[in-house]
Amino acid sequence: MATKDSNGNELNDGDSVQVIKDLKVKGSSQTLKRGKVFKKIRLTSNEEQVECKDGKSVLVLKTCFLKKA
């Protein structure tokens, strides 16, 4: 099956996505603010998750909190 964002749009490697809700990052005091854009995402083996780079760290985000930018 295809990886889809919160609006049902299909996501591919290298797409840009935008966060639709403030998210707390586990294991960190960091919060991802609504509207933050991640470029060049990578798909994972789990179709409900994608990998994004934030500076030097790699985050795994659920697609239900993302929309295609």
Protein backbone atom coordinates (compact mmCIF):
# COMPACT_ATOMS: atom_id res chain seq x y z
CA MET A 1 0.00 0.00 0.00
CA ALA A 2 0.98 3.61 -0.44
CA THR A 3 2.06 6.01 2.31
CA LYS A 4 -0.53 8.80 2.65
CA ASP A 5 -0.65 12.08 4.58
CA SER A 6 -3.54 13.29 6.77
CA ASN A 7 -5.46 14.52 3.70
CA GLY A 8 -5.06 11.26 1.77
CA ASN A 9 -2.37 12.52 -0.65
CA GLU A 10 0.27 9.97 -1.56
CA LEU A 11 3.78 10.66 -0.21
CA ASN A 12 6.99 9.75 -2.03
CA ASP A 13 10.70 9.86 -1.15
CA GLY A 14 11.99 13.43 -1.41
CA ASP A 15 8.62 15.14 -0.86
CA SER A 16 8.19 18.11 1.47
CA VAL A 17 5.70 17.83 4.32
CA GLN A 18 4.25 20.27 6.85
CA VAL A 19 3.34 19.55 10.50
CA ILE A 20 -0.38 20.17 11.18
CA LYS A 21 -0.26 20.10 15.01
CA ASP A 22 2.27 21.00 17.75
CA LEU A 23 4.16 17.80 18.58
CA LYS A 24 6.38 17.00 21.55
CA VAL A 25 9.52 15.03 20.65
CA LYS A 26 10.02 11.94 22.82
CA GLY A 27 13.27 11.92 24.77
CA SER A 28 13.80 15.63 24.23
CA SER A 29 12.51 18.95 25.52
CA GLN A 30 11.99 20.00 21.90
CA THR A 31 8.55 20.79 20.45
CA LEU A 32 7.78 20.81 16.73
CA LYS A 33 5.53 23.79 16.03
CA ARG A 34 2.54 23.64 13.73
CA GLY A 35 3.49 24.73 10.20
CA LYS A 36 7.12 23.50 10.32
CA VAL A 37 8.19 22.15 6.92
CA PHE A 38 10.46 19.15 6.44
CA LYS A 39 12.07 18.70 3.03
CA LYS A 40 13.36 15.50 1.44
CA ILE A 41 11.49 12.98 3.59
CA ARG A 42 12.29 9.28 3.42
CA LEU A 43 9.68 6.56 3.52
CA THR A 44 10.09 3.71 6.03
CA SER A 45 8.95 0.09 5.94
CA ASN A 46 5.98 1.18 8.09
CA GLU A 47 3.50 3.04 5.87
CA GLU A 48 2.29 5.16 8.82
CA GLN A 49 5.74 6.71 9.45
CA VAL A 50 8.30 8.81 7.58
CA GLU A 51 11.86 9.89 8.43
CA CYS A 52 12.74 13.60 8.45
CA LYS A 53 15.98 15.44 9.22
CA ASP A 54 15.88 18.32 11.71
CA GLY A 55 19.38 19.77 11.75
CA LYS A 56 21.68 16.84 12.47
CA SER A 57 19.04 14.64 14.11
CA VAL A 58 16.68 12.25 12.30
CA LEU A 59 13.06 12.18 13.43
CA VAL A 60 10.44 9.53 12.68
CA LEU A 61 7.01 11.16 12.38
CA LYS A 62 3.57 9.64 11.98
CA THR A 63 1.88 10.56 8.71
CA CYS A 64 -1.41 11.41 10.48
CA PHE A 65 0.26 14.64 11.73
CA LEU A 66 1.64 15.66 8.32
CA LYS A 67 0.33 17.17 5.11
CA LYS A 68 2.07 17.45 1.77
CA ALA A 69 3.59 20.91 1.28
